[in-house]
Amino acid sequence: MAGALYPPPEAKALMRYTNTILHIYYFLMSGPMDDEKWKILVQRELLTEEEAEKLQLQAADRGAAEKNRKWLGHTIAQGDIFMPLCHEHPGTMGEGALAVLERAAAHFSSSMAQRGAFKT
C-alpha cells in the first residue's frame, strides 16, 4: 500500500521504520533493548548507527522527563533540588545525567585526561 501511495524513497523509508517498530516490539517481549538487539536492527539495515544512537538517547531523555513529572513537585515542596539522572541499557545517558557528570568531572579533575578518566 505504501508503494502505491508514496514515491519509492518515501515508501521505502515508511516500510523500514514500520519494520523497525515491529522488531522493537518483538525484542521487548524478552526484556529491555540491549546492545545485541540494537546491533541486529543495524545489521538488518532497519536503522543506521546514527538512528539507533538517537533512539537510545530519546528513551533516556523521555525517562528523565517522566521522573520530573512524578517527583519534581514533591521535591520542590520539600525545598529539595531534584535532578533526574536517567540512562538506558546499554548505558546511553540523557542530557541531564551527562551535564551532572561533566560538572563533577570538571570539579574533581585538574586536567582533560583526568576528566576523561573520571567519566569512563
PDB file of N, CA and C in Angstrom:
ATOM      1  N   MET A   1       0.823  -1.179   0.000  1.00  0.00           N
ATOM      2  CA  MET A   1       0.000   0.000   0.000  1.00  0.00           C
ATOM      3  C   MET A   1       0.880   1.260   0.000  1.00  0.00           C
ATOM      4  N   ALA A   2       1.976   1.223   0.781  1.00  0.00           N
ATOM      5  CA  ALA A   2       2.866   2.385   0.823  1.00  0.00           C
ATOM      6  C   ALA A   2       3.427   2.676  -0.561  1.00  0.00           C
ATOM      7  N   GLY A   3       3.757   1.609  -1.311  1.00  0.00           N
ATOM      8  CA  GLY A   3       4.305   1.776  -2.652  1.00  0.00           C
ATOM      9  C   GLY A   3       3.318   2.408  -3.617  1.00  0.00           C
ATOM     10  N   ALA A   4       2.047   2.213  -3.373  1.00  0.00           N
ATOM     11  CA  ALA A   4       1.026   2.792  -4.249  1.00  0.00           C
ATOM     12  C   ALA A   4       0.736   4.246  -3.897  1.00  0.00           C
ATOM     13  N   LEU A   5       0.983   4.614  -2.644  1.00  0.00           N
ATOM     14  CA  LEU A   5       0.631   5.950  -2.189  1.00  0.00           C
ATOM     15  C   LEU A   5       1.787   6.945  -2.195  1.00  0.00           C
ATOM     16  N   TYR A   6       3.014   6.447  -2.105  1.00  0.00           N
ATOM     17  CA  TYR A   6       4.172   7.333  -1.961  1.00  0.00           C
ATOM     18  C   TYR A   6       5.210   7.048  -3.036  1.00  0.00           C
ATOM     19  N   PRO A   7       6.043   8.040  -3.339  1.00  0.00           N
ATOM     20  CA  PRO A   7       7.166   7.786  -4.248  1.00  0.00           C
ATOM     21  C   PRO A   7       8.096   6.737  -3.625  1.00  0.00           C
ATOM     22  N   PRO A   8       8.859   6.007  -4.430  1.00  0.00           N
ATOM     23  CA  PRO A   8       9.690   4.913  -3.917  1.00  0.00           C
ATOM     24  C   PRO A   8      10.571   5.249  -2.706  1.00  0.00           C
ATOM     25  N   PRO A   9      11.298   6.391  -2.667  1.00  0.00           N
ATOM     26  CA  PRO A   9      12.142   6.637  -1.487  1.00  0.00           C
ATOM     27  C   PRO A   9      11.332   6.777  -0.192  1.00  0.00           C
ATOM     28  N   GLU A  10      10.194   7.483  -0.273  1.00  0.00           N
ATOM     29  CA  GLU A  10       9.358   7.656   0.912  1.00  0.00           C
ATOM     30  C   GLU A  10       8.694   6.340   1.319  1.00  0.00           C
ATOM     31  N   ALA A  11       8.268   5.563   0.354  1.00  0.00           N
ATOM     32  CA  ALA A  11       7.647   4.265   0.644  1.00  0.00           C
ATOM     33  C   ALA A  11       8.655   3.337   1.321  1.00  0.00           C
ATOM     34  N   LYS A  12       9.884   3.344   0.824  1.00  0.00           N
ATOM     35  CA  LYS A  12      10.921   2.502   1.412  1.00  0.00           C
ATOM     36  C   LYS A  12      11.203   2.908   2.864  1.00  0.00           C
ATOM     37  N   ALA A  13      11.297   4.221   3.117  1.00  0.00           N
ATOM     38  CA  ALA A  13      11.536   4.703   4.481  1.00  0.00           C
ATOM     39  C   ALA A  13      10.380   4.325   5.399  1.00  0.00           C
ATOM     40  N   LEU A  14       9.145   4.473   4.925  1.00  0.00           N
ATOM     41  CA  LEU A  14       7.977   4.119   5.722  1.00  0.00           C
ATOM     42  C   LEU A  14       7.995   2.636   6.078  1.00  0.00           C
ATOM     43  N   MET A  15       8.305   1.794   5.119  1.00  0.00           N
ATOM     44  CA  MET A  15       8.352   0.348   5.372  1.00  0.00           C
ATOM     45  C   MET A  15       9.507  -0.022   6.315  1.00  0.00           C
ATOM     46  N   ARG A  16      10.634   0.649   6.153  1.00  0.00           N
ATOM     47  CA  ARG A  16      11.794   0.384   7.011  1.00  0.00           C
ATOM     48  C   ARG A  16      11.465   0.720   8.462  1.00  0.00           C
ATOM     49  N   TYR A  17      10.849   1.892   8.687  1.00  0.00           N
ATOM     50  CA  TYR A  17      10.525   2.293  10.055  1.00  0.00           C
ATOM     51  C   TYR A  17       9.407   1.437  10.647  1.00  0.00           C
ATOM     52  N   THR A  18       8.439   1.051   9.826  1.00  0.00           N
ATOM     53  CA  THR A  18       7.380   0.165  10.310  1.00  0.00           C
ATOM     54  C   THR A  18       7.966  -1.177  10.725  1.00  0.00           C
ATOM     55  N   ASN A  19       8.861  -1.718   9.912  1.00  0.00           N
ATOM     56  CA  ASN A  19       9.518  -2.982  10.232  1.00  0.00           C
ATOM     57  C   ASN A  19      10.364  -2.842  11.503  1.00  0.00           C
ATOM     58  N   THR A  20      11.008  -1.700  11.668  1.00  0.00           N
ATOM     59  CA  THR A  20      11.808  -1.443  12.873  1.00  0.00           C
ATOM     60  C   THR A  20      10.933  -1.466  14.112  1.00  0.00           C
ATOM     61  N   ILE A  21       9.793  -0.791  14.058  1.00  0.00           N
ATOM     62  CA  ILE A  21       8.871  -0.753  15.196  1.00  0.00           C
ATOM     63  C   ILE A  21       8.429  -2.164  15.565  1.00  0.00           C
ATOM     64  N   LEU A  22       8.093  -2.967  14.576  1.00  0.00           N
ATOM     65  CA  LEU A  22       7.670  -4.344  14.849  1.00  0.00           C
ATOM     66  C   LEU A  22       8.802  -5.154  15.476  1.00  0.00           C
ATOM     67  N   HIS A  23      10.025  -4.972  15.000  1.00  0.00           N
ATOM     68  CA  HIS A  23      11.175  -5.661  15.592  1.00  0.00           C
ATOM     69  C   HIS A  23      11.355  -5.251  17.055  1.00  0.00           C
ATOM     70  N   ILE A  24      11.254  -3.958  17.333  1.00  0.00           N
ATOM     71  CA  ILE A  24      11.444  -3.480  18.706  1.00  0.00           C
ATOM     72  C   ILE A  24      10.365  -4.055  19.621  1.00  0.00           C
ATOM     73  N   TYR A  25       9.112  -4.054  19.168  1.00  0.00           N
ATOM     74  CA  TYR A  25       8.042  -4.665  19.969  1.00  0.00           C
ATOM     75  C   TYR A  25       8.359  -6.131  20.268  1.00  0.00           C
ATOM     76  N   TYR A  26       8.812  -6.846  19.270  1.00  0.00           N
ATOM     77  CA  TYR A  26       9.151  -8.258  19.452  1.00  0.00           C
ATOM     78  C   TYR A  26      10.315  -8.405  20.432  1.00  0.00           C
ATOM     79  N   PHE A  27      11.363  -7.608  20.246  1.00  0.00           N
ATOM     80  CA  PHE A  27      12.531  -7.684  21.137  1.00  0.00           C
ATOM     81  C   PHE A  27      12.149  -7.377  22.584  1.00  0.00           C
ATOM     82  N   LEU A  28      11.236  -6.437  22.794  1.00  0.00           N
ATOM     83  CA  LEU A  28      10.857  -6.046  24.156  1.00  0.00           C
ATOM     84  C   LEU A  28      10.106  -7.148  24.892  1.00  0.00           C
ATOM     85  N   MET A  29       9.585  -8.120  24.173  1.00  0.00           N
ATOM     86  CA  MET A  29       8.908  -9.238  24.828  1.00  0.00           C
ATOM     87  C   MET A  29       9.886 -10.054  25.665  1.00  0.00           C
ATOM     88  N   SER A  30      11.178 -10.020  25.314  1.00  0.00           N
ATOM     89  CA  SER A  30      12.171 -10.804  26.061  1.00  0.00           C
ATOM     90  C   SER A  30      12.988  -9.939  27.022  1.00  0.00           C
ATOM     91  N   GLY A  31      12.636  -8.664  27.166  1.00  0.00           N
ATOM     92  CA  GLY A  31      13.354  -7.785  28.083  1.00  0.00           C
ATOM     93  C   GLY A  31      13.740  -6.488  27.406  1.00  0.00           C
ATOM     94  N   PRO A  32      14.444  -5.617  28.129  1.00  0.00           N
ATOM     95  CA  PRO A  32      14.804  -4.311  27.569  1.00  0.00           C
ATOM     96  C   PRO A  32      15.735  -4.425  26.369  1.00  0.00           C
ATOM     97  N   MET A  33      15.776  -3.365  25.599  1.00  0.00           N
ATOM     98  CA  MET A  33      16.678  -3.315  24.448  1.00  0.00           C
ATOM     99  C   MET A  33      18.118  -3.261  24.955  1.00  0.00           C
ATOM    100  N   ASP A  34      18.951  -4.168  24.485  1.00  0.00           N
ATOM    101  CA  ASP A  34      20.360  -4.198  24.874  1.00  0.00           C
ATOM    102  C   ASP A  34      21.217  -4.026  23.623  1.00  0.00           C
ATOM    103  N   ASP A  35      22.539  -4.070  23.813  1.00  0.00           N
ATOM    104  CA  ASP A  35      23.461  -3.873  22.688  1.00  0.00           C
ATOM    105  C   ASP A  35      23.170  -4.818  21.529  1.00  0.00           C
ATOM    106  N   GLU A  36      22.953  -6.080  21.835  1.00  0.00           N
ATOM    107  CA  GLU A  36      22.739  -7.075  20.772  1.00  0.00           C
ATOM    108  C   GLU A  36      21.486  -6.778  19.957  1.00  0.00           C
ATOM    109  N   LYS A  37      20.428  -6.359  20.619  1.00  0.00           N
ATOM    110  CA  LYS A  37      19.189  -6.055  19.898  1.00  0.00           C
ATOM    111  C   LYS A  37      19.358  -4.838  18.987  1.00  0.00           C
ATOM    112  N   TRP A  38      20.047  -3.801  19.483  1.00  0.00           N
ATOM    113  CA  TRP A  38      20.294  -2.628  18.637  1.00  0.00           C
ATOM    114  C   TRP A  38      21.191  -3.001  17.462  1.00  0.00           C
ATOM    115  N   LYS A  39      22.185  -3.867  17.706  1.00  0.00           N
ATOM    116  CA  LYS A  39      23.081  -4.299  16.620  1.00  0.00           C
ATOM    117  C   LYS A  39      22.312  -5.040  15.532  1.00  0.00           C
ATOM    118  N   ILE A  40      21.356  -5.853  15.935  1.00  0.00           N
ATOM    119  CA  ILE A  40      20.550  -6.595  14.958  1.00  0.00           C
ATOM    120  C   ILE A  40      19.782  -5.624  14.060  1.00  0.00           C
ATOM    121  N   LEU A  41      19.209  -4.574  14.653  1.00  0.00           N
ATOM    122  CA  LEU A  41      18.472  -3.592  13.851  1.00  0.00           C
ATOM    123  C   LEU A  41      19.381  -2.913  12.835  1.00  0.00           C
ATOM    124  N   VAL A  42      20.616  -2.651  13.230  1.00  0.00           N
ATOM    125  CA  VAL A  42      21.571  -2.021  12.306  1.00  0.00           C
ATOM    126  C   VAL A  42      22.039  -3.024  11.262  1.00  0.00           C
ATOM    127  N   GLN A  43      22.331  -4.269  11.685  1.00  0.00           N
ATOM    128  CA  GLN A  43      22.791  -5.294  10.744  1.00  0.00           C
ATOM    129  C   GLN A  43      21.739  -5.600   9.687  1.00  0.00           C
ATOM    130  N   ARG A  44      20.494  -5.573  10.065  1.00  0.00           N
ATOM    131  CA  ARG A  44      19.412  -5.841   9.118  1.00  0.00           C
ATOM    132  C   ARG A  44      19.057  -4.606   8.288  1.00  0.00           C
ATOM    133  N   GLU A  45      19.813  -3.524   8.482  1.00  0.00           N
ATOM    134  CA  GLU A  45      19.638  -2.267   7.763  1.00  0.00           C
ATOM    135  C   GLU A  45      18.256  -1.654   7.985  1.00  0.00           C
ATOM    136  N   LEU A  46      17.707  -1.906   9.172  1.00  0.00           N
ATOM    137  CA  LEU A  46      16.463  -1.257   9.550  1.00  0.00           C
ATOM    138  C   LEU A  46      16.742   0.127  10.119  1.00  0.00           C
ATOM    139  N   LEU A  47      17.891   0.273  10.788  1.00  0.00           N
ATOM    140  CA  LEU A  47      18.345   1.552  11.320  1.00  0.00           C
ATOM    141  C   LEU A  47      19.807   1.750  10.950  1.00  0.00           C
ATOM    142  N   THR A  48      20.189   3.016  10.818  1.00  0.00           N
ATOM    143  CA  THR A  48      21.613   3.317  10.702  1.00  0.00           C
ATOM    144  C   THR A  48      22.184   3.394  12.117  1.00  0.00           C
ATOM    145  N   GLU A  49      23.504   3.399  12.246  1.00  0.00           N
ATOM    146  CA  GLU A  49      24.142   3.550  13.564  1.00  0.00           C
ATOM    147  C   GLU A  49      23.641   4.836  14.229  1.00  0.00           C
ATOM    148  N   GLU A  50      23.597   5.914  13.462  1.00  0.00           N
ATOM    149  CA  GLU A  50      23.177   7.213  14.000  1.00  0.00           C
ATOM    150  C   GLU A  50      21.724   7.167  14.479  1.00  0.00           C
ATOM    151  N   GLU A  51      20.849   6.539  13.714  1.00  0.00           N
ATOM    152  CA  GLU A  51      19.440   6.438  14.118  1.00  0.00           C
ATOM    153  C   GLU A  51      19.301   5.626  15.400  1.00  0.00           C
ATOM    154  N   ALA A  52      20.049   4.538  15.517  1.00  0.00           N
ATOM    155  CA  ALA A  52      19.998   3.712  16.728  1.00  0.00           C
ATOM    156  C   ALA A  52      20.459   4.508  17.948  1.00  0.00           C
ATOM    157  N   GLU A  53      21.543   5.273  17.797  1.00  0.00           N
ATOM    158  CA  GLU A  53      22.047   6.090  18.909  1.00  0.00           C
ATOM    159  C   GLU A  53      21.029   7.146  19.310  1.00  0.00           C
ATOM    160  N   LYS A  54      20.400   7.791  18.347  1.00  0.00           N
ATOM    161  CA  LYS A  54      19.401   8.819  18.652  1.00  0.00           C
ATOM    162  C   LYS A  54      18.198   8.234  19.366  1.00  0.00           C
ATOM    163  N   LEU A  55      17.756   7.072  18.941  1.00  0.00           N
ATOM    164  CA  LEU A  55      16.614   6.434  19.607  1.00  0.00           C
ATOM    165  C   LEU A  55      16.937   6.085  21.051  1.00  0.00           C
ATOM    166  N   GLN A  56      18.136   5.598  21.304  1.00  0.00           N
ATOM    167  CA  GLN A  56      18.528   5.269  22.669  1.00  0.00           C
ATOM    168  C   GLN A  56      18.578   6.523  23.533  1.00  0.00           C
ATOM    169  N   LEU A  57      19.071   7.620  22.997  1.00  0.00           N
ATOM    170  CA  LEU A  57      19.141   8.877  23.739  1.00  0.00           C
ATOM    171  C   LEU A  57      17.745   9.407  24.027  1.00  0.00           C
ATOM    172  N   GLN A  58      16.833   9.299  23.063  1.00  0.00           N
ATOM    173  CA  GLN A  58      15.466   9.765  23.292  1.00  0.00           C
ATOM    174  C   GLN A  58      14.808   9.001  24.423  1.00  0.00           C
ATOM    175  N   ALA A  59      15.073   7.724  24.519  1.00  0.00           N
ATOM    176  CA  ALA A  59      14.500   6.928  25.600  1.00  0.00           C
ATOM    177  C   ALA A  59      15.007   7.415  26.949  1.00  0.00           C
ATOM    178  N   ALA A  60      16.293   7.742  27.037  1.00  0.00           N
ATOM    179  CA  ALA A  60      16.854   8.239  28.289  1.00  0.00           C
ATOM    180  C   ALA A  60      16.259   9.604  28.633  1.00  0.00           C
ATOM    181  N   ASP A  61      16.141  10.494  27.653  1.00  0.00           N
ATOM    182  CA  ASP A  61      15.562  11.809  27.904  1.00  0.00           C
ATOM    183  C   ASP A  61      14.089  11.704  28.288  1.00  0.00           C
ATOM    184  N   ARG A  62      13.370  10.793  27.659  1.00  0.00           N
ATOM    185  CA  ARG A  62      11.962  10.585  28.000  1.00  0.00           C
ATOM    186  C   ARG A  62      11.835  10.047  29.425  1.00  0.00           C
ATOM    187  N   GLY A  63      12.760   9.171  29.810  1.00  0.00           N
ATOM    188  CA  GLY A  63      12.759   8.661  31.183  1.00  0.00           C
ATOM    189  C   GLY A  63      12.995   9.765  32.192  1.00  0.00           C
ATOM    190  N   ALA A  64      13.900  10.687  31.875  1.00  0.00           N
ATOM    191  CA  ALA A  64      14.153  11.827  32.763  1.00  0.00           C
ATOM    192  C   ALA A  64      12.920  12.716  32.862  1.00  0.00           C
ATOM    193  N   ALA A  65      12.246  12.957  31.751  1.00  0.00           N
ATOM    194  CA  ALA A  65      11.029  13.779  31.765  1.00  0.00           C
ATOM    195  C   ALA A  65       9.951  13.117  32.614  1.00  0.00           C
ATOM    196  N   GLU A  66       9.838  11.807  32.523  1.00  0.00           N
ATOM    197  CA  GLU A  66       8.848  11.081  33.327  1.00  0.00           C
ATOM    198  C   GLU A  66       9.182  11.179  34.813  1.00  0.00           C
ATOM    199  N   LYS A  67      10.466  11.079  35.162  1.00  0.00           N
ATOM    200  CA  LYS A  67      10.861  11.241  36.565  1.00  0.00           C
ATOM    201  C   LYS A  67      10.541  12.652  37.055  1.00  0.00           C
ATOM    202  N   ASN A  68      10.794  13.656  36.213  1.00  0.00           N
ATOM    203  CA  ASN A  68      10.438  15.027  36.579  1.00  0.00           C
ATOM    204  C   ASN A  68       8.941  15.143  36.842  1.00  0.00           C
ATOM    205  N   ARG A  69       8.147  14.570  35.965  1.00  0.00           N
ATOM    206  CA  ARG A  69       6.695  14.645  36.112  1.00  0.00           C
ATOM    207  C   ARG A  69       6.240  14.038  37.427  1.00  0.00           C
ATOM    208  N   LYS A  70       6.856  12.924  37.819  1.00  0.00           N
ATOM    209  CA  LYS A  70       6.432  12.214  39.025  1.00  0.00           C
ATOM    210  C   LYS A  70       6.975  12.829  40.316  1.00  0.00           C
ATOM    211  N   TRP A  71       8.183  13.388  40.284  1.00  0.00           N
ATOM    212  CA  TRP A  71       8.868  13.745  41.527  1.00  0.00           C
ATOM    213  C   TRP A  71       9.187  15.210  41.716  1.00  0.00           C
ATOM    214  N   LEU A  72       9.234  16.006  40.680  1.00  0.00           N
ATOM    215  CA  LEU A  72       9.686  17.393  40.808  1.00  0.00           C
ATOM    216  C   LEU A  72       8.814  18.197  41.763  1.00  0.00           C
ATOM    217  N   GLY A  73       7.515  18.077  41.655  1.00  0.00           N
ATOM    218  CA  GLY A  73       6.613  18.815  42.542  1.00  0.00           C
ATOM    219  C   GLY A  73       6.826  18.472  44.008  1.00  0.00           C
ATOM    220  N   HIS A  74       7.018  17.203  44.308  1.00  0.00           N
ATOM    221  CA  HIS A  74       7.244  16.773  45.698  1.00  0.00           C
ATOM    222  C   HIS A  74       8.542  17.343  46.253  1.00  0.00           C
ATOM    223  N   THR A  75       9.589  17.282  45.446  1.00  0.00           N
ATOM    224  CA  THR A  75      10.890  17.727  45.948  1.00  0.00           C
ATOM    225  C   THR A  75      10.930  19.242  46.113  1.00  0.00           C
ATOM    226  N   ILE A  76      10.292  19.979  45.215  1.00  0.00           N
ATOM    227  CA  ILE A  76      10.239  21.439  45.357  1.00  0.00           C
ATOM    228  C   ILE A  76       9.456  21.807  46.615  1.00  0.00           C
ATOM    229  N   ALA A  77       8.348  21.108  46.853  1.00  0.00           N
ATOM    230  CA  ALA A  77       7.539  21.379  48.047  1.00  0.00           C
ATOM    231  C   ALA A  77       8.342  21.156  49.331  1.00  0.00           C
ATOM    232  N   GLN A  78       9.286  20.242  49.299  1.00  0.00           N
ATOM    233  CA  GLN A  78      10.137  19.963  50.465  1.00  0.00           C
ATOM    234  C   GLN A  78      11.342  20.894  50.533  1.00  0.00           C
ATOM    235  N   GLY A  79      11.531  21.710  49.494  1.00  0.00           N
ATOM    236  CA  GLY A  79      12.684  22.586  49.461  1.00  0.00           C
ATOM    237  C   GLY A  79      13.942  21.899  48.959  1.00  0.00           C
ATOM    238  N   ASP A  80      13.780  20.753  48.330  1.00  0.00           N
ATOM    239  CA  ASP A  80      14.924  19.989  47.824  1.00  0.00           C
ATOM    240  C   ASP A  80      15.167  20.297  46.350  1.00  0.00           C
ATOM    241  N   ILE A  81      16.331  19.910  45.886  1.00  0.00           N
ATOM    242  CA  ILE A  81      16.668  20.008  44.467  1.00  0.00           C
ATOM    243  C   ILE A  81      16.545  18.609  43.873  1.00  0.00           C
ATOM    244  N   PHE A  82      15.923  18.514  42.719  1.00  0.00           N
ATOM    245  CA  PHE A  82      15.736  17.212  42.076  1.00  0.00           C
ATOM    246  C   PHE A  82      16.394  17.230  40.708  1.00  0.00           C
ATOM    247  N   MET A  83      17.261  16.253  40.449  1.00  0.00           N
ATOM    248  CA  MET A  83      17.910  16.119  39.146  1.00  0.00           C
ATOM    249  C   MET A  83      17.687  14.688  38.673  1.00  0.00           C
ATOM    250  N   PRO A  84      16.837  14.496  37.650  1.00  0.00           N
ATOM    251  CA  PRO A  84      16.604  13.133  37.169  1.00  0.00           C
ATOM    252  C   PRO A  84      17.800  12.626  36.368  1.00  0.00           C
ATOM    253  N   LEU A  85      18.480  11.649  36.895  1.00  0.00           N
ATOM    254  CA  LEU A  85      19.605  11.040  36.193  1.00  0.00           C
ATOM    255  C   LEU A  85      19.098   9.746  35.584  1.00  0.00           C
ATOM    256  N   CYS A  86      18.902   9.775  34.296  1.00  0.00           N
ATOM    257  CA  CYS A  86      18.290   8.634  33.628  1.00  0.00           C
ATOM    258  C   CYS A  86      19.194   8.135  32.521  1.00  0.00           C
ATOM    259  N   HIS A  87      19.384   6.837  32.490  1.00  0.00           N
ATOM    260  CA  HIS A  87      20.127   6.243  31.384  1.00  0.00           C
ATOM    261  C   HIS A  87      19.425   4.968  30.973  1.00  0.00           C
ATOM    262  N   GLU A  88      19.654   4.602  29.749  1.00  0.00           N
ATOM    263  CA  GLU A  88      19.054   3.402  29.176  1.00  0.00           C
ATOM    264  C   GLU A  88      20.118   2.339  28.997  1.00  0.00           C
ATOM    265  N   HIS A  89      19.722   1.091  29.115  1.00  0.00           N
ATOM    266  CA  HIS A  89      20.643  -0.002  28.822  1.00  0.00           C
ATOM    267  C   HIS A  89      20.936   0.080  27.326  1.00  0.00           C
ATOM    268  N   PRO A  90      22.084   0.100  26.847  1.00  0.00           N
ATOM    269  CA  PRO A  90      23.348  -0.310  27.435  1.00  0.00           C
ATOM    270  C   PRO A  90      24.193   0.846  27.959  1.00  0.00           C
ATOM    271  N   GLY A  91      23.600   1.887  28.460  1.00  0.00           N
ATOM    272  CA  GLY A  91      24.383   2.961  29.038  1.00  0.00           C
ATOM    273  C   GLY A  91      24.214   4.299  28.354  1.00  0.00           C
ATOM    274  N   THR A  92      23.257   4.425  27.451  1.00  0.00           N
ATOM    275  CA  THR A  92      23.009   5.716  26.830  1.00  0.00           C
ATOM    276  C   THR A  92      22.410   6.628  27.884  1.00  0.00           C
ATOM    277  N   MET A  93      23.042   7.784  28.099  1.00  0.00           N
ATOM    278  CA  MET A  93      22.616   8.676  29.166  1.00  0.00           C
ATOM    279  C   MET A  93      21.862   9.871  28.601  1.00  0.00           C
ATOM    280  N   GLY A  94      20.874  10.340  29.347  1.00  0.00           N
ATOM    281  CA  GLY A  94      20.137  11.534  28.983  1.00  0.00           C
ATOM    282  C   GLY A  94      20.989  12.779  29.189  1.00  0.00           C
ATOM    283  N   GLU A  95      20.525  13.899  28.641  1.00  0.00           N
ATOM    284  CA  GLU A  95      21.279  15.147  28.704  1.00  0.00           C
ATOM    285  C   GLU A  95      21.516  15.601  30.142  1.00  0.00           C
ATOM    286  N   GLY A  96      20.522  15.434  31.023  1.00  0.00           N
ATOM    287  CA  GLY A  96      20.686  15.842  32.416  1.00  0.00           C
ATOM    288  C   GLY A  96      21.781  15.066  33.116  1.00  0.00           C
ATOM    289  N   ALA A  97      21.798  13.772  32.905  1.00  0.00           N
ATOM    290  CA  ALA A  97      22.833  12.937  33.521  1.00  0.00           C
ATOM    291  C   ALA A  97      24.214  13.278  32.969  1.00  0.00           C
ATOM    292  N   LEU A  98      24.306  13.535  31.682  1.00  0.00           N
ATOM    293  CA  LEU A  98      25.591  13.916  31.086  1.00  0.00           C
ATOM    294  C   LEU A  98      26.088  15.248  31.649  1.00  0.00           C
ATOM    295  N   ALA A  99      25.173  16.197  31.847  1.00  0.00           N
ATOM    296  CA  ALA A  99      25.561  17.505  32.387  1.00  0.00           C
ATOM    297  C   ALA A  99      26.088  17.377  33.809  1.00  0.00           C
ATOM    298  N   VAL A 100      25.442  16.570  34.646  1.00  0.00           N
ATOM    299  CA  VAL A 100      25.906  16.374  36.021  1.00  0.00           C
ATOM    300  C   VAL A 100      27.273  15.696  36.025  1.00  0.00           C
ATOM    301  N   LEU A 101      27.438  14.707  35.187  1.00  0.00           N
ATOM    302  CA  LEU A 101      28.718  14.006  35.108  1.00  0.00           C
ATOM    303  C   LEU A 101      29.830  14.947  34.645  1.00  0.00           C
ATOM    304  N   GLU A 102      29.531  15.793  33.671  1.00  0.00           N
ATOM    305  CA  GLU A 102      30.520  16.764  33.180  1.00  0.00           C
ATOM    306  C   GLU A 102      30.904  17.758  34.270  1.00  0.00           C
ATOM    307  N   ARG A 103      29.929  18.244  35.037  1.00  0.00           N
ATOM    308  CA  ARG A 103      30.224  19.181  36.123  1.00  0.00           C
ATOM    309  C   ARG A 103      31.075  18.523  37.200  1.00  0.00           C
ATOM    310  N   ALA A 104      30.750  17.289  37.543  1.00  0.00           N
ATOM    311  CA  ALA A 104      31.544  16.571  38.550  1.00  0.00           C
ATOM    312  C   ALA A 104      32.961  16.339  38.044  1.00  0.00           C
ATOM    313  N   ALA A 105      33.091  15.969  36.781  1.00  0.00           N
ATOM    314  CA  ALA A 105      34.424  15.743  36.209  1.00  0.00           C
ATOM    315  C   ALA A 105      35.241  17.035  36.214  1.00  0.00           C
ATOM    316  N   ALA A 106      34.593  18.159  35.886  1.00  0.00           N
ATOM    317  CA  ALA A 106      35.301  19.442  35.879  1.00  0.00           C
ATOM    318  C   ALA A 106      35.723  19.846  37.287  1.00  0.00           C
ATOM    319  N   HIS A 107      34.886  19.550  38.263  1.00  0.00           N
ATOM    320  CA  HIS A 107      35.181  19.933  39.644  1.00  0.00           C
ATOM    321  C   HIS A 107      36.299  19.093  40.264  1.00  0.00           C
ATOM    322  N   PHE A 108      36.282  17.806  40.000  1.00  0.00           N
ATOM    323  CA  PHE A 108      37.206  16.892  40.669  1.00  0.00           C
ATOM    324  C   PHE A 108      38.447  16.544  39.849  1.00  0.00           C
ATOM    325  N   SER A 109      38.570  17.066  38.652  1.00  0.00           N
ATOM    326  CA  SER A 109      39.701  16.732  37.780  1.00  0.00           C
ATOM    327  C   SER A 109      40.473  17.995  37.427  1.00  0.00           C
ATOM    328  N   SER A 110      41.792  17.885  37.414  1.00  0.00           N
ATOM    329  CA  SER A 110      42.605  19.067  37.111  1.00  0.00           C
ATOM    330  C   SER A 110      43.095  19.093  35.666  1.00  0.00           C
ATOM    331  N   SER A 111      42.900  18.037  34.914  1.00  0.00           N
ATOM    332  CA  SER A 111      43.337  18.008  33.517  1.00  0.00           C
ATOM    333  C   SER A 111      42.278  17.317  32.659  1.00  0.00           C
ATOM    334  N   MET A 112      42.380  17.519  31.356  1.00  0.00           N
ATOM    335  CA  MET A 112      41.432  16.876  30.428  1.00  0.00           C
ATOM    336  C   MET A 112      41.545  15.356  30.499  1.00  0.00           C
ATOM    337  N   ALA A 113      42.776  14.849  30.684  1.00  0.00           N
ATOM    338  CA  ALA A 113      42.972  13.397  30.791  1.00  0.00           C
ATOM    339  C   ALA A 113      42.241  12.866  32.021  1.00  0.00           C
ATOM    340  N   GLN A 114      42.331  13.598  33.140  1.00  0.00           N
ATOM    341  CA  GLN A 114      41.632  13.166  34.353  1.00  0.00           C
ATOM    342  C   GLN A 114      40.114  13.241  34.162  1.00  0.00           C
ATOM    343  N   ARG A 115      39.651  14.286  33.459  1.00  0.00           N
ATOM    344  CA  ARG A 115      38.201  14.384  33.200  1.00  0.00           C
ATOM    345  C   ARG A 115      37.720  13.188  32.394  1.00  0.00           C
ATOM    346  N   GLY A 116      38.493  12.831  31.376  1.00  0.00           N
ATOM    347  CA  GLY A 116      38.123  11.679  30.559  1.00  0.00           C
ATOM    348  C   GLY A 116      38.097  10.402  31.378  1.00  0.00           C
ATOM    349  N   ALA A 117      39.085  10.227  32.222  1.00  0.00           N
ATOM    350  CA  ALA A 117      39.133   9.036  33.083  1.00  0.00           C
ATOM    351  C   ALA A 117      37.979   9.032  34.069  1.00  0.00           C
ATOM    352  N   PHE A 118      37.645  10.194  34.613  1.00  0.00           N
ATOM    353  CA  PHE A 118      36.552  10.309  35.578  1.00  0.00           C
ATOM    354  C   PHE A 118      35.228   9.879  34.948  1.00  0.00           C
ATOM    355  N   LYS A 119      35.014  10.272  33.697  1.00  0.00           N
ATOM    356  CA  LYS A 119      33.748   9.979  33.022  1.00  0.00           C
ATOM    357  C   LYS A 119      33.674   8.567  32.458  1.00  0.00           C
ATOM    358  N   THR A 120      34.756   7.815  32.532  1.00  0.00           N
ATOM    359  CA  THR A 120      34.753   6.476  31.956  1.00  0.00           C
ATOM    360  C   THR A 120      34.194   5.468  32.917  1.00  0.00           C
TER     361      THR A 120
END
